[in-house]
Amino acid sequence: MNKALVRLARSLPQAAKRYLKTQYDPYKYFASVWWEKYDKVLSGARVVPLRTGRKACIVIDPMLRHCYFEAACRELGVPYDLLDVGSPGWIAQLEANHYEVVFLRPFVLASYGKKFFDEVAFFLTRIKQLNMFPPINDIWFYESKIRCSYVLENFKIPHPKTYVFNDREKAARFLQETRFPLLFKTDIGSDASGVMILKDLSQGRKVLCSCFKSGFTNYFFDTNDKQLGYVLFQEYLPGVREIRVIRIGDSFFAYEKGRKGDFHSGSKVALFLNPDHEILDFVKGVTDLIETRCMSVDVFVTPGGQFLVNELQTFYGANEPGCYYFEDGKPVALGPGETHEMRVNGVNGRYFHGEDGWSFQEGDFARNAGCNLRVMLAYQALGVRLADFTA
């Protein structure tokens, strides 16, 4: 749902708004958007004979993005079943089968989706004690800016100063004493959809009133979904660059997020670059510290060269429609199936960290939005080495 549609919706009479809200099914809407892509991803998979008898289970995502795990399993010779946790019978399916690993990409574009899949993840790992990938810790703070801020503070990872309140009076006192401009961010919201630059105290008070009285609505997904009873503010850092570094196992990918308007997030602009080893070392250190090997780390680079972690996400936007790619300032047209996670001197590849340090390796390592590497990493932990056809 883009901003133009939101403006149009806001101009409708109240009766029309109420009717449209009753007719809007967010799950069906996004499934319809992704259905064509789902079919293309699966039909484009390079199917190989089974290479292991150890079966996986893939949880169905209402947005159909689980197709990347399906395609990865087909390309790596891994048998799998789909698990529909959105209807009865899925627990009986788990009891009737033995799955070595459960792959889960949760639906998190609204608070109710985040809550539902967090509960599923907890049940899978804590009650059924199944092996889930990504691990539950990574799922717990996925697409939650508040939880992510707790992780960054706990591990003393450099990040923009962040302030979370569930007390309106304390939040109001903070606004009176702080400096503007200041960032407001909703807990859940991708593509900068829940981010506002508050220029003065008056704007801050309006946001506060929404968050603690009527509820703040994020335009990006569902106007029925409101944030109520808490608020997050963050220091505003002008002039920073934002570089996304992705780690999956010992593979690292990086590109700069181009700026559009006030924000890098949601710009749909990827600037290919050959990253300095310093930023790769920084991200490796961050992911080692929080004990994860599958994470996208959005790093602010200040004018003074300091690295600050803006966000941590175990999944990231990949192969998104409407994206624009540039290398050395020139537009790049990617061919069918090509990925945008890393391109150096016109060559797709990855940075690999081995005994001799960093080395760039050419190959289609980021296939299926990185899920080939994810499946390989999960099975590696089981002692099963799946052939890497991309090398």
Protein backbone atom coordinates (compact mmCIF):
# COMPACT_ATOMS: atom_id res chain seq x y z
CA MET A 1 0.00 0.00 0.00
CA ASN A 2 1.84 3.14 -1.13
CA LYS A 3 1.52 6.69 0.15
CA ALA A 4 -0.65 7.85 -2.79
CA LEU A 5 -3.23 5.19 -1.99
CA VAL A 6 -3.12 6.16 1.68
CA ARG A 7 -3.84 9.80 0.82
CA LEU A 8 -6.74 8.68 -1.36
CA ALA A 9 -8.12 6.46 1.39
CA ARG A 10 -7.94 9.29 3.92
CA SER A 11 -10.09 11.49 1.67
CA LEU A 12 -12.97 8.99 1.68
CA PRO A 13 -16.08 9.48 3.84
CA GLN A 14 -16.02 7.72 7.22
CA ALA A 15 -18.72 5.25 6.16
CA ALA A 16 -16.64 4.21 3.15
CA LYS A 17 -13.54 3.82 5.33
CA ARG A 18 -15.40 1.57 7.77
CA TYR A 19 -16.69 -0.59 4.92
CA LEU A 20 -13.28 -0.96 3.30
CA LYS A 21 -11.74 -1.98 6.61
CA THR A 22 -14.23 -4.81 6.92
CA GLN A 23 -13.40 -6.01 3.39
CA TYR A 24 -9.60 -5.84 3.65
CA ASP A 25 -7.86 -9.17 4.25
CA PRO A 26 -4.12 -8.40 4.51
CA TYR A 27 -3.03 -12.01 4.17
CA LYS A 28 -4.99 -12.52 0.95
CA TYR A 29 -3.78 -9.19 -0.41
CA PHE A 30 -0.10 -10.01 -0.03
CA ALA A 31 -0.59 -13.61 -1.18
CA SER A 32 -2.15 -12.26 -4.39
CA VAL A 33 0.81 -9.89 -4.85
CA TRP A 34 3.36 -12.70 -4.38
CA TRP A 35 1.58 -15.54 -6.16
CA GLU A 36 3.17 -14.89 -9.58
CA LYS A 37 6.61 -14.58 -8.03
CA TYR A 38 6.05 -17.77 -6.01
CA ASP A 39 5.42 -19.68 -9.20
CA LYS A 40 8.45 -18.17 -10.94
CA VAL A 41 10.78 -19.02 -8.05
CA LEU A 42 9.69 -22.67 -7.96
CA SER A 43 9.62 -23.14 -11.72
CA GLY A 44 13.11 -21.64 -11.96
CA ALA A 45 14.63 -24.04 -9.43
CA ARG A 46 17.36 -26.36 -10.75
CA VAL A 47 15.93 -29.63 -9.42
CA VAL A 48 18.47 -32.35 -8.54
CA PRO A 49 18.09 -35.92 -7.22
CA LEU A 50 17.78 -36.34 -3.44
CA ARG A 51 21.14 -36.17 -1.69
CA THR A 52 19.94 -36.98 1.81
CA GLY A 53 17.10 -38.93 3.37
CA ARG A 54 16.82 -36.52 6.30
CA LYS A 55 13.59 -34.64 5.71
CA ALA A 56 12.94 -30.97 6.39
CA CYS A 57 9.72 -29.16 7.15
CA ILE A 58 8.94 -25.70 5.72
CA VAL A 59 6.36 -23.51 7.45
CA ILE A 60 4.04 -21.78 5.00
CA ASP A 61 4.31 -18.00 5.03
CA PRO A 62 1.05 -16.15 4.18
CA MET A 63 3.15 -13.95 1.88
CA LEU A 64 4.43 -17.12 0.16
CA ARG A 65 8.08 -16.22 0.72
CA HIS A 66 8.66 -19.76 1.98
CA CYS A 67 9.04 -20.52 -1.74
CA TYR A 68 12.72 -19.63 -1.43
CA PHE A 69 13.22 -22.46 1.07
CA GLU A 70 11.28 -24.80 -1.24
CA ALA A 71 13.45 -23.87 -4.21
CA ALA A 72 16.62 -24.25 -2.14
CA CYS A 73 15.63 -27.73 -0.98
CA ARG A 74 14.88 -28.74 -4.57
CA GLU A 75 18.25 -27.44 -5.76
CA LEU A 76 20.18 -29.11 -2.94
CA GLY A 77 18.40 -32.47 -3.03
CA VAL A 78 16.66 -32.15 0.34
CA PRO A 79 13.26 -33.84 0.87
CA TYR A 80 10.65 -31.65 2.55
CA ASP A 81 7.04 -31.25 3.58
CA LEU A 82 5.07 -28.02 3.92
CA LEU A 83 3.47 -27.16 7.26
CA ASP A 84 0.36 -24.96 7.34
CA VAL A 85 0.27 -23.47 10.84
CA GLY A 86 -2.65 -21.26 9.84
CA SER A 87 -5.21 -24.06 10.16
CA PRO A 88 -5.82 -27.09 12.44
CA GLY A 89 -3.90 -30.32 11.98
CA TRP A 90 -0.33 -29.10 11.89
CA ILE A 91 0.60 -30.41 15.33
CA ALA A 92 -0.69 -33.87 14.33
CA GLN A 93 1.49 -33.63 11.21
CA LEU A 94 4.55 -32.95 13.38
CA GLU A 95 3.73 -35.96 15.55
CA ALA A 96 3.27 -38.26 12.54
CA ASN A 97 6.60 -37.34 10.91
CA HIS A 98 10.23 -37.02 11.87
CA TYR A 99 11.72 -33.75 10.66
CA GLU A 100 15.42 -33.01 11.05
CA VAL A 101 14.89 -29.27 10.77
CA VAL A 102 11.98 -26.84 10.49
CA PHE A 103 12.52 -23.79 8.28
CA LEU A 104 10.46 -20.77 9.28
CA ARG A 105 10.12 -17.38 7.65
CA PRO A 106 7.49 -15.61 9.75
CA PHE A 107 4.97 -13.08 8.54
CA VAL A 108 5.86 -9.90 10.42
CA LEU A 109 4.32 -6.95 8.58
CA ALA A 110 1.80 -6.41 11.39
CA SER A 111 1.89 -6.87 15.15
CA TYR A 112 -0.65 -9.69 15.05
CA GLY A 113 1.44 -11.57 12.48
CA LYS A 114 4.56 -11.10 14.58
CA LYS A 115 2.73 -12.33 17.70
CA PHE A 116 1.25 -15.37 15.94
CA PHE A 117 4.52 -16.59 14.47
CA ASP A 118 6.50 -15.86 17.64
CA GLU A 119 4.09 -18.22 19.41
CA VAL A 120 4.56 -20.85 16.69
CA ALA A 121 8.35 -20.52 16.98
CA PHE A 122 8.17 -20.89 20.76
CA PHE A 123 5.99 -24.00 20.47
CA LEU A 124 8.25 -25.61 17.85
CA THR A 125 11.44 -25.09 19.81
CA ARG A 126 10.45 -25.08 23.48
CA ILE A 127 7.47 -27.45 23.59
CA LYS A 128 8.18 -29.82 20.69
CA GLN A 129 11.95 -29.23 21.02
CA LEU A 130 12.47 -29.30 17.29
CA ASN A 131 15.51 -27.99 15.46
CA MET A 132 14.35 -24.71 13.88
CA PHE A 133 16.16 -22.47 11.45
CA PRO A 134 16.72 -19.61 11.92
CA PRO A 135 17.12 -20.16 15.69
CA ILE A 136 14.44 -18.78 17.98
CA ASN A 137 16.69 -16.01 19.34
CA ASP A 138 17.06 -14.59 15.82
CA ILE A 139 13.32 -14.90 15.20
CA TRP A 140 12.52 -13.21 18.53
CA PHE A 141 13.99 -9.82 17.57
CA TYR A 142 13.32 -10.11 13.82
CA GLU A 143 11.39 -7.03 12.65
CA SER A 144 11.06 -5.61 16.16
CA LYS A 145 13.01 -2.40 16.61
CA ILE A 146 12.42 -2.44 20.36
CA ARG A 147 13.73 -5.98 20.84
CA CYS A 148 16.64 -5.24 18.52
CA SER A 149 17.55 -2.21 20.66
CA TYR A 150 17.64 -4.47 23.74
CA VAL A 151 20.04 -6.86 22.00
CA LEU A 152 22.33 -4.05 20.83
CA GLU A 153 22.43 -2.48 24.29
CA ASN A 154 22.93 -5.80 26.07
CA PHE A 155 25.94 -6.73 23.97
CA LYS A 156 27.25 -3.15 23.97
CA ILE A 157 27.25 -3.00 20.19
CA PRO A 158 27.69 0.57 18.87
CA HIS A 159 24.30 1.89 17.70
CA PRO A 160 22.31 5.14 17.58
CA LYS A 161 21.00 6.16 21.00
CA THR A 162 17.54 4.68 21.43
CA TYR A 163 14.87 5.44 24.02
CA VAL A 164 11.85 3.21 24.71
CA PHE A 165 8.95 4.26 26.97
CA ASN A 166 5.70 2.65 28.08
CA ASP A 167 4.97 5.55 30.45
CA ARG A 168 3.50 8.63 28.77
CA GLU A 169 4.61 11.10 31.45
CA LYS A 170 8.22 9.92 31.31
CA ALA A 171 8.14 10.07 27.50
CA ALA A 172 6.73 13.62 27.62
CA ARG A 173 9.44 14.68 30.06
CA PHE A 174 12.08 13.22 27.75
CA LEU A 175 10.71 15.20 24.80
CA GLN A 176 10.87 18.44 26.80
CA GLU A 177 14.51 17.86 27.67
CA THR A 178 15.84 16.39 24.41
CA ARG A 179 17.23 18.00 21.29
CA PHE A 180 15.45 18.04 17.96
CA PRO A 181 15.34 16.76 15.25
CA LEU A 182 14.58 13.33 16.67
CA LEU A 183 13.50 10.08 15.06
CA PHE A 184 10.27 8.30 15.92
CA LYS A 185 10.01 4.66 14.87
CA THR A 186 7.19 2.18 15.15
CA ASP A 187 8.24 -1.16 16.60
CA ILE A 188 7.20 -3.00 13.43
CA GLY A 189 7.48 -1.50 9.96
CA SER A 190 9.68 -2.10 6.94
CA ASP A 191 10.88 0.23 4.18
CA ALA A 192 10.98 3.21 6.61
CA SER A 193 7.18 3.10 6.68
CA GLY A 194 6.99 3.70 10.42
CA VAL A 195 9.78 6.27 10.66
CA MET A 196 9.26 10.02 11.14
CA ILE A 197 11.70 12.87 11.64
CA LEU A 198 10.30 14.99 14.46
CA LYS A 199 11.49 18.54 13.92
CA ASP A 200 10.21 20.10 17.13
CA LEU A 201 8.40 19.49 20.42
CA SER A 202 5.00 20.06 18.85
CA GLN A 203 5.45 17.16 16.44
CA GLY A 204 6.74 15.00 19.25
CA ARG A 205 3.64 15.66 21.34
CA LYS A 206 1.35 14.72 18.44
CA VAL A 207 3.11 11.37 18.04
CA LEU A 208 2.94 10.82 21.79
CA CYS A 209 -0.79 11.48 21.78
CA SER A 210 -1.30 8.91 19.03
CA CYS A 211 0.83 6.26 20.70
CA PHE A 212 -0.83 6.59 24.11
CA LYS A 213 -4.39 7.59 23.22
CA SER A 214 -5.78 6.65 19.80
CA GLY A 215 -2.98 4.36 18.65
CA PHE A 216 -0.40 5.05 15.92
CA THR A 217 -1.16 3.52 12.53
CA ASN A 218 1.61 2.46 10.18
CA TYR A 219 0.43 3.19 6.64
CA PHE A 220 2.50 0.42 5.04
CA PHE A 221 0.40 -2.61 5.84
CA ASP A 222 -2.89 -2.58 7.73
CA THR A 223 -4.66 0.51 9.05
CA ASN A 224 -6.46 -1.74 11.56
CA ASP A 225 -3.12 -2.51 13.22
CA LYS A 226 -2.18 0.16 15.76
CA GLN A 227 0.73 0.67 18.12
CA LEU A 228 -0.67 1.65 21.49
CA GLY A 229 0.87 2.08 24.93
CA TYR A 230 4.56 2.46 24.09
CA VAL A 231 6.87 4.57 21.98
CA LEU A 232 10.43 4.46 20.59
CA PHE A 233 12.62 7.49 19.87
CA GLN A 234 16.11 7.48 18.37
CA GLU A 235 18.78 10.08 17.85
CA TYR A 236 18.83 11.62 14.39
CA LEU A 237 22.16 11.22 12.58
CA PRO A 238 22.49 13.41 9.46
CA GLY A 239 25.05 12.69 6.78
CA VAL A 240 25.49 8.97 7.41
CA ARG A 241 25.83 6.29 4.75
CA GLU A 242 24.08 2.96 5.24
CA ILE A 243 25.72 -0.29 4.15
CA ARG A 244 23.97 -3.62 4.43
CA VAL A 245 26.27 -6.54 5.21
CA ILE A 246 24.73 -10.01 5.14
CA ARG A 247 26.29 -13.00 6.82
CA ILE A 248 25.18 -16.58 6.16
CA GLY A 249 27.69 -19.03 7.59
CA ASP A 250 31.11 -17.90 6.40
CA SER A 251 29.69 -16.11 3.35
CA PHE A 252 29.38 -12.33 3.44
CA PHE A 253 27.62 -9.99 1.01
CA ALA A 254 27.47 -6.20 1.02
CA TYR A 255 25.94 -3.28 -0.83
CA GLU A 256 25.16 0.32 0.01
CA LYS A 257 21.54 1.36 0.44
CA GLY A 258 20.93 4.42 -1.71
CA ARG A 259 19.14 7.39 -0.22
CA LYS A 260 15.68 8.47 -1.36
CA GLY A 261 14.26 11.53 0.37
CA ASP A 262 15.13 11.46 4.06
CA PHE A 263 15.83 7.73 4.38
CA HIS A 264 17.95 4.89 3.04
CA SER A 265 15.51 2.16 4.07
CA GLY A 266 12.79 1.57 1.52
CA SER A 267 14.63 3.50 -1.22
CA LYS A 268 14.77 0.37 -3.43
CA VAL A 269 18.19 1.59 -4.57
CA ALA A 270 21.19 -0.74 -4.21
CA LEU A 271 24.68 0.59 -4.87
CA PHE A 272 27.14 -2.20 -5.58
CA LEU A 273 30.54 -1.76 -3.97
CA ASN A 274 33.69 -3.59 -2.97
CA PRO A 275 33.53 -3.26 0.82
CA ASP A 276 36.53 -2.49 2.98
CA HIS A 277 37.64 -5.44 5.06
CA GLU A 278 37.19 -3.22 8.11
CA ILE A 279 33.40 -3.24 7.83
CA LEU A 280 33.39 -6.99 7.14
CA ASP A 281 35.48 -7.50 10.29
CA PHE A 282 33.03 -5.32 12.22
CA VAL A 283 29.99 -7.33 11.12
CA LYS A 284 31.74 -10.64 11.72
CA GLY A 285 32.55 -9.44 15.23
CA VAL A 286 28.95 -8.35 15.86
CA THR A 287 27.46 -11.63 14.65
CA ASP A 288 30.03 -13.69 16.56
CA LEU A 289 29.19 -11.72 19.70
CA ILE A 290 25.46 -12.41 19.52
CA GLU A 291 26.16 -15.99 18.42
CA THR A 292 24.40 -15.96 15.08
CA ARG A 293 25.61 -17.01 11.66
CA CYS A 294 22.62 -15.86 9.66
CA MET A 295 22.02 -12.14 9.91
CA SER A 296 21.65 -8.98 7.86
CA VAL A 297 23.36 -6.04 9.57
CA ASP A 298 22.52 -2.51 8.46
CA VAL A 299 25.52 -0.37 9.36
CA PHE A 300 25.55 3.42 9.54
CA VAL A 301 28.91 4.90 8.55
CA THR A 302 29.25 8.35 10.07
CA PRO A 303 31.18 11.19 8.38
CA GLY A 304 33.94 10.45 10.90
CA GLY A 305 34.12 6.80 9.86
CA GLN A 306 32.43 5.29 12.92
CA PHE A 307 30.32 2.15 12.48
CA LEU A 308 26.90 2.06 14.15
CA VAL A 309 24.40 -0.79 13.80
CA ASN A 310 21.02 0.50 12.72
CA GLU A 311 19.18 -2.83 12.48
CA LEU A 312 19.67 -6.57 12.75
CA GLN A 313 17.40 -8.81 10.65
CA THR A 314 17.68 -12.56 10.11
CA PHE A 315 15.78 -12.11 6.82
CA TYR A 316 16.16 -9.22 4.39
CA GLY A 317 14.53 -7.91 1.24
CA ALA A 318 15.94 -9.72 -1.76
CA ASN A 319 15.03 -9.64 -5.45
CA GLU A 320 12.28 -7.15 -4.66
CA PRO A 321 10.25 -5.77 -7.58
CA GLY A 322 10.87 -2.13 -8.41
CA CYS A 323 14.49 -2.07 -7.22
CA TYR A 324 17.22 -0.11 -9.00
CA TYR A 325 20.86 -1.16 -9.10
CA PHE A 326 23.97 0.90 -9.71
CA GLU A 327 27.67 0.16 -10.02
CA ASP A 328 30.24 2.95 -10.28
CA GLY A 329 27.36 5.39 -10.71
CA LYS A 330 25.92 3.58 -13.73
CA PRO A 331 22.59 1.69 -13.83
CA VAL A 332 22.90 -2.09 -13.87
CA ALA A 333 20.31 -4.35 -15.47
CA LEU A 334 20.28 -7.74 -13.81
CA GLY A 335 19.38 -10.79 -15.83
CA PRO A 336 16.75 -13.39 -14.88
CA GLY A 337 17.62 -15.09 -11.60
CA GLU A 338 20.49 -12.74 -10.80
CA THR A 339 20.70 -11.50 -7.23
CA HIS A 340 21.67 -8.11 -5.92
CA GLU A 341 23.42 -8.96 -2.65
CA MET A 342 26.95 -8.46 -4.02
CA ARG A 343 28.59 -7.48 -7.28
CA VAL A 344 32.25 -6.48 -7.59
CA ASN A 345 33.64 -5.20 -10.88
CA GLY A 346 30.62 -6.56 -12.72
CA VAL A 347 30.92 -10.02 -11.15
CA ASN A 348 28.44 -11.68 -8.77
CA GLY A 349 30.01 -13.32 -5.78
CA ARG A 350 30.66 -13.29 -2.07
CA TYR A 351 33.38 -12.54 0.41
CA PHE A 352 34.43 -15.70 2.21
CA HIS A 353 36.16 -15.76 5.57
CA GLY A 354 38.61 -18.63 5.88
CA GLU A 355 41.88 -19.43 7.60
CA ASP A 356 43.71 -16.91 5.40
CA GLY A 357 41.22 -14.11 6.03
CA TRP A 358 38.97 -12.50 3.42
CA SER A 359 38.79 -13.55 -0.20
CA PHE A 360 36.30 -12.67 -2.93
CA GLN A 361 34.84 -15.67 -4.72
CA GLU A 362 32.86 -15.53 -7.93
CA GLY A 363 29.57 -17.41 -8.03
CA ASP A 364 25.81 -17.35 -7.63
CA PHE A 365 26.00 -17.88 -3.89
CA ALA A 366 22.96 -15.82 -2.94
CA ARG A 367 20.47 -17.91 -4.90
CA ASN A 368 16.89 -17.99 -3.70
CA ALA A 369 17.29 -14.96 -1.44
CA GLY A 370 20.14 -16.65 0.39
CA CYS A 371 18.11 -19.74 1.28
CA ASN A 372 20.48 -22.17 -0.45
CA LEU A 373 23.16 -21.10 2.00
CA ARG A 374 20.66 -21.22 4.87
CA VAL A 375 19.67 -24.81 4.10
CA MET A 376 23.32 -25.80 3.73
CA LEU A 377 24.14 -24.15 7.06
CA ALA A 378 21.27 -25.89 8.86
CA TYR A 379 22.27 -29.31 7.52
CA GLN A 380 25.93 -28.66 8.22
CA ALA A 381 24.97 -28.37 11.90
CA LEU A 382 23.43 -31.87 11.56
CA GLY A 383 26.67 -33.24 10.14
CA VAL A 384 25.34 -33.37 6.57
CA ARG A 385 27.38 -31.62 3.91
CA LEU A 386 25.31 -30.69 0.89
CA ALA A 387 27.17 -30.12 -2.38
CA ASP A 388 27.60 -26.43 -3.19
CA PHE A 389 26.84 -26.27 -6.91
CA THR A 390 27.44 -22.50 -7.02
CA ALA A 391 31.20 -22.62 -6.43
